[in-house]
Amino acid sequence: MELYVGNFSYLMTERELKKLFSSYGIVENVHLITDHYTRQSKCFGYIRMERLQDAEKAIEKLHDKRFNEQKLVVKKALPMARRQGGSRW
């Protein structure tokens, strides 16, 4: 199951997020979203956990909890909306 994780510090690393979520189960993948030009974190990302039960437990335990002075947002990731239209150019 894929989770959306937001409102963490821009200094947070993929390794730190993986360690935090590994307390609740096996983390398959961590993907931090970064600015295209600066490569700085946009303070949100996605975590894929192996088991649904573990992901649900992580949501229960981590959503709205403080981590490094930030109140985390943790919820089930929604599918990406399909974009309409052509190229920007």
C-alpha atoms as a PDB file:
ATOM      1  CA  MET A   1       0.000   0.000   0.000  1.00  0.00           C
ATOM      2  CA  GLU A   2       1.280   3.454  -0.840  1.00  0.00           C
ATOM      3  CA  LEU A   3       1.112   6.268   1.705  1.00  0.00           C
ATOM      4  CA  TYR A   4       1.305  10.025   1.312  1.00  0.00           C
ATOM      5  CA  VAL A   5       3.522  11.668   3.933  1.00  0.00           C
ATOM      6  CA  GLY A   6       3.592  15.423   4.266  1.00  0.00           C
ATOM      7  CA  ASN A   7       4.554  18.373   6.410  1.00  0.00           C
ATOM      8  CA  PHE A   8       7.993  17.131   7.371  1.00  0.00           C
ATOM      9  CA  SER A   9      11.152  19.231   7.481  1.00  0.00           C
ATOM     10  CA  TYR A  10      12.882  20.002   4.185  1.00  0.00           C
ATOM     11  CA  LEU A  11      16.001  18.525   5.825  1.00  0.00           C
ATOM     12  CA  MET A  12      14.369  15.083   6.172  1.00  0.00           C
ATOM     13  CA  THR A  13      16.083  12.354   4.149  1.00  0.00           C
ATOM     14  CA  GLU A  14      14.694   9.209   2.534  1.00  0.00           C
ATOM     15  CA  ARG A  15      16.785   7.181   4.982  1.00  0.00           C
ATOM     16  CA  GLU A  16      15.195   8.936   7.992  1.00  0.00           C
ATOM     17  CA  LEU A  17      11.670   8.409   6.643  1.00  0.00           C
ATOM     18  CA  LYS A  18      12.386   4.753   5.952  1.00  0.00           C
ATOM     19  CA  LYS A  19      13.697   4.297   9.492  1.00  0.00           C
ATOM     20  CA  LEU A  20      10.614   5.988  10.976  1.00  0.00           C
ATOM     21  CA  PHE A  21       8.145   3.855   8.991  1.00  0.00           C
ATOM     22  CA  SER A  22      10.141   0.634   9.386  1.00  0.00           C
ATOM     23  CA  SER A  23       9.005   0.600  13.008  1.00  0.00           C
ATOM     24  CA  TYR A  24       5.580  -0.443  11.679  1.00  0.00           C
ATOM     25  CA  GLY A  25       6.542  -2.906   8.936  1.00  0.00           C
ATOM     26  CA  ILE A  26       8.592  -3.518   5.819  1.00  0.00           C
ATOM     27  CA  VAL A  27       9.101  -0.393   3.710  1.00  0.00           C
ATOM     28  CA  GLU A  28       9.488  -1.253   0.021  1.00  0.00           C
ATOM     29  CA  ASN A  29      10.150   2.231  -1.326  1.00  0.00           C
ATOM     30  CA  VAL A  30      10.520   5.864  -0.236  1.00  0.00           C
ATOM     31  CA  HIS A  31      10.220   8.741  -2.694  1.00  0.00           C
ATOM     32  CA  LEU A  32      10.701  12.351  -1.592  1.00  0.00           C
ATOM     33  CA  ILE A  33       9.330  15.024  -3.920  1.00  0.00           C
ATOM     34  CA  THR A  34      11.890  17.703  -4.738  1.00  0.00           C
ATOM     35  CA  ASP A  35      11.891  20.984  -6.607  1.00  0.00           C
ATOM     36  CA  HIS A  36      12.871  20.474 -10.238  1.00  0.00           C
ATOM     37  CA  TYR A  37      15.423  23.312 -10.239  1.00  0.00           C
ATOM     38  CA  THR A  38      16.812  23.510  -6.696  1.00  0.00           C
ATOM     39  CA  ARG A  39      16.486  19.803  -5.805  1.00  0.00           C
ATOM     40  CA  GLN A  40      15.304  20.916  -2.357  1.00  0.00           C
ATOM     41  CA  SER A  41      12.606  18.830  -0.699  1.00  0.00           C
ATOM     42  CA  LYS A  42       9.019  20.031  -1.057  1.00  0.00           C
ATOM     43  CA  CYS A  43       8.358  18.497   2.395  1.00  0.00           C
ATOM     44  CA  PHE A  44       6.202  15.636   1.158  1.00  0.00           C
ATOM     45  CA  GLY A  45       6.669  12.241  -0.388  1.00  0.00           C
ATOM     46  CA  TYR A  46       5.387   8.709  -0.793  1.00  0.00           C
ATOM     47  CA  ILE A  47       6.149   5.493   1.055  1.00  0.00           C
ATOM     48  CA  ARG A  48       5.210   2.038  -0.185  1.00  0.00           C
ATOM     49  CA  MET A  49       4.764  -0.551   2.542  1.00  0.00           C
ATOM     50  CA  GLU A  50       4.649  -4.270   1.890  1.00  0.00           C
ATOM     51  CA  ARG A  51       1.571  -5.106   3.967  1.00  0.00           C
ATOM     52  CA  LEU A  52      -1.750  -3.281   4.147  1.00  0.00           C
ATOM     53  CA  GLN A  53      -2.030  -3.889   7.907  1.00  0.00           C
ATOM     54  CA  ASP A  54       1.384  -2.313   8.512  1.00  0.00           C
ATOM     55  CA  ALA A  55       0.503   0.737   6.418  1.00  0.00           C
ATOM     56  CA  GLU A  56      -2.756   1.189   8.323  1.00  0.00           C
ATOM     57  CA  LYS A  57      -0.893   0.935  11.619  1.00  0.00           C
ATOM     58  CA  ALA A  58       1.638   3.561  10.449  1.00  0.00           C
ATOM     59  CA  ILE A  59      -1.244   5.902   9.545  1.00  0.00           C
ATOM     60  CA  GLU A  60      -2.844   5.361  12.958  1.00  0.00           C
ATOM     61  CA  LYS A  61       0.389   5.928  14.884  1.00  0.00           C
ATOM     62  CA  LEU A  62       2.038   8.707  12.852  1.00  0.00           C
ATOM     63  CA  HIS A  63      -0.738  10.926  11.452  1.00  0.00           C
ATOM     64  CA  ASP A  64      -0.874  14.245  13.357  1.00  0.00           C
ATOM     65  CA  LYS A  65       2.110  13.224  15.507  1.00  0.00           C
ATOM     66  CA  ARG A  66       5.041  15.584  16.005  1.00  0.00           C
ATOM     67  CA  PHE A  67       8.352  14.572  14.454  1.00  0.00           C
ATOM     68  CA  ASN A  68      11.279  17.041  14.574  1.00  0.00           C
ATOM     69  CA  GLU A  69       8.942  19.898  15.523  1.00  0.00           C
ATOM     70  CA  GLN A  70       6.585  19.182  12.583  1.00  0.00           C
ATOM     71  CA  LYS A  71       3.089  17.681  12.770  1.00  0.00           C
ATOM     72  CA  LEU A  72       3.118  14.886  10.177  1.00  0.00           C
ATOM     73  CA  VAL A  73       0.340  14.191   7.706  1.00  0.00           C
ATOM     74  CA  VAL A  74       0.127  10.476   6.900  1.00  0.00           C
ATOM     75  CA  LYS A  75      -2.680   9.027   4.809  1.00  0.00           C
ATOM     76  CA  LYS A  76      -3.414   6.585   2.036  1.00  0.00           C
ATOM     77  CA  ALA A  77      -2.049   7.927  -1.254  1.00  0.00           C
ATOM     78  CA  LEU A  78      -4.622   8.677  -3.907  1.00  0.00           C
ATOM     79  CA  PRO A  79      -4.063   7.615  -7.520  1.00  0.00           C
ATOM     80  CA  MET A  80      -2.535  10.336  -9.661  1.00  0.00           C
ATOM     81  CA  ALA A  81      -5.159  12.178 -11.703  1.00  0.00           C
ATOM     82  CA  ARG A  82      -4.936  11.719 -15.420  1.00  0.00           C
ATOM     83  CA  ARG A  83      -3.970  14.927 -17.182  1.00  0.00           C
ATOM     84  CA  GLN A  84      -5.862  16.250 -20.185  1.00  0.00           C
ATOM     85  CA  GLY A  85      -4.475  18.282 -23.032  1.00  0.00           C
ATOM     86  CA  GLY A  86      -1.273  18.477 -24.963  1.00  0.00           C
ATOM     87  CA  SER A  87       2.184  19.813 -24.487  1.00  0.00           C
ATOM     88  CA  ARG A  88       2.880  23.125 -22.754  1.00  0.00           C
ATOM     89  CA  TRP A  89       4.875  24.173 -25.820  1.00  0.00           C
END
